Amino acid sequence: MSRSLGDYANSGETGAMRRGFGHYVRTGYGGSGTAARRMGGTAATAGALGGVLAGLAGGQAAQPGSPLDPALLAGRSAGEIMGAVVEAVRPVDGTQDAEASRAAIRDALSELLTRFPDADLLNLTPEEREFVIERFTAHDVFRRFDLDVGQTIREKAPSVATALSRLKQAREYVKETVAAAFRKLRAAGHPLTAGHITTVVRAALRETFEVFEGYAE
């Protein structure tokens, strides 16, 4: 695994990157099935995120004192609302997984506002909520990858700037692969609808890791 990632860090070659992901899943996790199960927290958090966003859009009353209490959110900036969503979905618990997921939620919401500049974070459309769930899943997968093996890329790349470029390229590859998994599931009749988000995300993770593992030599 480290050899493939080292090759990628040096060359930036797409094939080496894919092989690195393949060995990461096969060697690091013992296969796509185990990897998907180990990422079960991602699916659970995605379900919680979907519930929070749907509740906000539906005007669901939050508990007094909750980060999502309308009285606390009134007049707040987009950044402050994103922070409130992060706190409601994934409170700090001192673990790396929680920190990665918190960052992934914020990344997904930030990307939403880039893709849909007029989006209202307190009243997202179903399409916008699906986008957030999909992007959160991708960012969480990438952040786990970065925590596990990102240091290898940083150490093997010829410069700091090159390492950042390689990691950005890897992140885009994860996003593309995850998006393709969700499209495949949607085409098969499994959209990201309320009550099914955790199940669909779990299936998308399994599909994603199967694609990654397929590149292992």
Protein backbone atom coordinates (compact mmCIF):
# COMPACT_ATOMS: atom_id res chain seq x y z
CA MET A 1 0.00 0.00 0.00
CA SER A 2 2.69 2.50 1.02
CA ARG A 3 4.62 1.71 -2.16
CA SER A 4 1.65 2.57 -4.39
CA LEU A 5 0.95 5.72 -2.42
CA GLY A 6 4.62 6.63 -2.51
CA ASP A 7 4.63 6.19 -6.29
CA TYR A 8 1.57 8.41 -6.50
CA ALA A 9 3.10 11.04 -4.22
CA ASN A 10 6.13 11.21 -6.50
CA SER A 11 4.48 10.98 -9.89
CA GLY A 12 0.89 12.16 -9.48
CA GLU A 13 -0.02 9.36 -11.87
CA THR A 14 -3.73 8.47 -11.73
CA GLY A 15 -3.09 4.73 -12.00
CA ALA A 16 -0.77 4.82 -8.99
CA MET A 17 -3.39 6.75 -7.02
CA ARG A 18 -6.08 4.18 -7.84
CA ARG A 19 -3.78 1.32 -6.92
CA GLY A 20 -3.05 3.10 -3.65
CA PHE A 21 -6.76 3.29 -2.87
CA GLY A 22 -7.11 -0.37 -3.86
CA HIS A 23 -4.38 -1.51 -1.49
CA TYR A 24 -5.71 0.84 1.20
CA VAL A 25 -9.04 -1.00 1.13
CA ARG A 26 -7.71 -4.51 0.56
CA THR A 27 -4.67 -4.42 2.86
CA GLY A 28 -5.61 -1.71 5.32
CA TYR A 29 -9.17 -2.89 5.92
CA GLY A 30 -9.16 -6.47 4.69
CA GLY A 31 -11.53 -5.79 1.82
CA SER A 32 -14.44 -3.61 0.77
CA GLY A 33 -16.99 -5.33 3.01
CA THR A 34 -14.96 -4.71 6.15
CA ALA A 35 -14.16 -1.15 5.06
CA ALA A 36 -17.86 -0.39 4.57
CA ARG A 37 -18.71 -1.83 7.99
CA ARG A 38 -15.90 0.14 9.63
CA MET A 39 -17.38 3.29 8.09
CA GLY A 40 -20.78 2.56 9.59
CA GLY A 41 -20.49 5.73 11.64
CA THR A 42 -20.45 7.73 8.40
CA ALA A 43 -23.81 6.26 7.40
CA ALA A 44 -25.28 6.92 10.84
CA THR A 45 -24.04 10.51 10.84
CA ALA A 46 -25.41 11.00 7.32
CA GLY A 47 -28.80 9.85 8.58
CA ALA A 48 -28.64 12.31 11.48
CA LEU A 49 -27.56 15.11 9.14
CA GLY A 50 -30.45 14.37 6.80
CA GLY A 51 -32.87 14.42 9.72
CA VAL A 52 -31.57 17.76 10.99
CA LEU A 53 -31.73 19.40 7.55
CA ALA A 54 -35.22 18.02 6.89
CA GLY A 55 -36.37 19.20 10.32
CA LEU A 56 -35.09 22.72 9.64
CA ALA A 57 -36.76 22.80 6.22
CA GLY A 58 -40.02 21.55 7.70
CA GLY A 59 -40.03 24.11 10.47
CA GLN A 60 -39.69 21.41 13.12
CA ALA A 61 -39.35 22.95 16.55
CA ALA A 62 -36.00 22.37 18.23
CA GLN A 63 -35.58 21.79 21.93
CA PRO A 64 -35.01 25.06 23.85
CA GLY A 65 -31.27 25.61 24.18
CA SER A 66 -30.54 23.32 21.23
CA PRO A 67 -27.96 24.66 18.75
CA LEU A 68 -30.86 24.71 16.26
CA ASP A 69 -33.23 26.73 18.46
CA PRO A 70 -34.79 29.27 16.02
CA ALA A 71 -34.37 31.98 18.63
CA LEU A 72 -30.61 31.36 18.60
CA LEU A 73 -30.36 31.17 14.80
CA ALA A 74 -32.34 34.29 13.98
CA GLY A 75 -30.17 36.70 12.00
CA ARG A 76 -27.12 34.45 12.14
CA SER A 77 -24.59 34.23 9.31
CA ALA A 78 -24.25 31.18 7.08
CA GLY A 79 -21.06 30.23 8.91
CA GLU A 80 -22.81 30.39 12.29
CA ILE A 81 -25.73 28.29 11.01
CA MET A 82 -23.27 25.71 9.64
CA GLY A 83 -21.62 25.59 13.04
CA ALA A 84 -25.00 25.01 14.71
CA VAL A 85 -25.78 22.16 12.33
CA VAL A 86 -22.39 20.58 13.03
CA GLU A 87 -22.98 20.79 16.79
CA ALA A 88 -26.47 19.29 16.49
CA VAL A 89 -25.39 16.41 14.24
CA ARG A 90 -21.94 15.51 15.61
CA PRO A 91 -21.08 16.98 19.01
CA VAL A 92 -17.44 16.98 20.10
CA ASP A 93 -16.46 13.75 21.86
CA GLY A 94 -12.68 13.94 21.69
CA THR A 95 -12.25 11.29 18.99
CA GLN A 96 -10.58 11.67 15.60
CA ASP A 97 -13.67 10.20 13.95
CA ALA A 98 -15.86 12.93 15.42
CA GLU A 99 -13.45 15.67 14.36
CA ALA A 100 -13.27 14.24 10.83
CA SER A 101 -17.06 14.02 10.58
CA ARG A 102 -17.54 17.55 11.94
CA ALA A 103 -15.14 18.88 9.32
CA ALA A 104 -16.85 16.79 6.61
CA ILE A 105 -20.26 18.27 7.49
CA ARG A 106 -18.88 21.78 7.26
CA ASP A 107 -17.09 20.97 3.98
CA ALA A 108 -20.34 19.61 2.53
CA LEU A 109 -22.36 22.67 3.56
CA SER A 110 -19.68 25.00 2.22
CA GLU A 111 -19.68 23.14 -1.08
CA LEU A 112 -23.47 23.38 -1.17
CA LEU A 113 -23.28 27.18 -0.99
CA THR A 114 -20.75 27.18 -3.81
CA ARG A 115 -22.95 24.98 -6.00
CA PHE A 116 -26.24 26.64 -4.94
CA PRO A 117 -25.36 30.24 -3.98
CA ASP A 118 -28.99 31.10 -3.21
CA ALA A 119 -29.57 28.10 -0.93
CA ASP A 120 -31.22 28.85 2.42
CA LEU A 121 -29.51 26.66 5.01
CA LEU A 122 -32.64 26.81 7.17
CA ASN A 123 -34.89 25.68 4.32
CA LEU A 124 -32.97 23.46 1.89
CA THR A 125 -34.81 21.81 -0.98
CA PRO A 126 -34.78 17.99 -1.25
CA GLU A 127 -32.22 18.29 -4.08
CA GLU A 128 -29.97 20.46 -1.94
CA ARG A 129 -30.27 18.12 1.04
CA GLU A 130 -29.33 15.14 -1.15
CA PHE A 131 -26.29 17.06 -2.39
CA VAL A 132 -25.17 17.73 1.20
CA ILE A 133 -25.56 14.05 2.18
CA GLU A 134 -23.62 12.88 -0.87
CA ARG A 135 -20.82 15.37 -0.37
CA PHE A 136 -20.65 14.71 3.37
CA THR A 137 -20.19 11.01 2.62
CA ALA A 138 -17.37 11.75 0.17
CA HIS A 139 -15.60 14.18 2.49
CA ASP A 140 -15.87 11.78 5.43
CA VAL A 141 -14.38 8.93 3.37
CA PHE A 142 -11.54 11.15 2.23
CA ARG A 143 -10.83 12.47 5.72
CA ARG A 144 -10.61 8.90 7.02
CA PHE A 145 -8.22 8.08 4.17
CA ASP A 146 -6.16 11.16 5.03
CA LEU A 147 -6.03 10.24 8.72
CA ASP A 148 -4.95 6.69 7.88
CA VAL A 149 -2.40 7.22 5.10
CA GLY A 150 -2.21 10.91 4.24
CA GLN A 151 1.09 11.22 6.09
CA THR A 152 2.68 8.78 3.64
CA ILE A 153 1.75 11.08 0.76
CA ARG A 154 3.04 14.12 2.63
CA GLU A 155 6.36 12.43 3.38
CA LYS A 156 6.91 10.97 -0.09
CA ALA A 157 5.91 13.99 -2.17
CA PRO A 158 8.82 16.13 -3.43
CA SER A 159 7.42 19.28 -1.79
CA VAL A 160 4.69 20.51 0.54
CA ALA A 161 2.86 22.13 -2.38
CA THR A 162 3.01 18.90 -4.35
CA ALA A 163 1.68 16.92 -1.39
CA LEU A 164 -1.29 19.28 -1.09
CA SER A 165 -1.94 18.94 -4.81
CA ARG A 166 -1.82 15.13 -4.60
CA LEU A 167 -4.25 15.11 -1.67
CA LYS A 168 -6.60 17.46 -3.49
CA GLN A 169 -6.53 15.14 -6.52
CA ALA A 170 -7.27 12.16 -4.27
CA ARG A 171 -10.17 14.03 -2.69
CA GLU A 172 -11.67 14.78 -6.10
CA TYR A 173 -11.34 11.11 -7.04
CA VAL A 174 -13.21 10.11 -3.88
CA LYS A 175 -15.95 12.64 -4.64
CA GLU A 176 -16.33 11.34 -8.20
CA THR A 177 -16.46 7.71 -7.06
CA VAL A 178 -18.97 8.40 -4.30
CA ALA A 179 -21.16 10.46 -6.65
CA ALA A 180 -21.16 7.60 -9.15
CA ALA A 181 -22.21 5.17 -6.39
CA PHE A 182 -25.18 7.36 -5.46
CA ARG A 183 -26.18 7.72 -9.13
CA LYS A 184 -26.09 3.95 -9.52
CA LEU A 185 -28.28 3.47 -6.45
CA ARG A 186 -30.70 6.18 -7.58
CA ALA A 187 -31.03 4.51 -10.98
CA ALA A 188 -31.77 1.21 -9.21
CA GLY A 189 -34.62 2.82 -7.27
CA HIS A 190 -32.82 3.73 -4.06
CA PRO A 191 -32.91 7.53 -3.70
CA LEU A 192 -31.84 9.44 -0.59
CA THR A 193 -35.33 9.80 0.85
CA ALA A 194 -36.20 10.45 4.51
CA GLY A 195 -36.05 7.31 6.60
CA HIS A 196 -33.73 5.55 4.15
CA ILE A 197 -30.65 7.77 4.23
CA THR A 198 -28.53 5.58 6.50
CA THR A 199 -29.33 2.45 4.47
CA VAL A 200 -28.62 4.13 1.13
CA VAL A 201 -25.37 5.70 2.37
CA ARG A 202 -24.24 2.32 3.71
CA ALA A 203 -24.88 0.83 0.25
CA ALA A 204 -23.05 3.72 -1.44
CA LEU A 205 -20.03 3.17 0.83
CA ARG A 206 -19.98 -0.52 -0.03
CA GLU A 207 -20.15 0.30 -3.76
CA THR A 208 -17.41 2.92 -3.40
CA PHE A 209 -15.02 0.58 -1.57
CA GLU A 210 -15.69 -2.18 -4.09
CA VAL A 211 -14.61 0.22 -6.85
CA PHE A 212 -11.47 1.14 -4.90
CA GLU A 213 -10.60 -2.50 -4.17
CA GLY A 214 -10.97 -3.35 -7.83
CA TYR A 215 -7.80 -1.36 -8.55
CA ALA A 216 -5.63 -3.41 -6.19
CA GLU A 217 -3.12 -5.51 -8.11
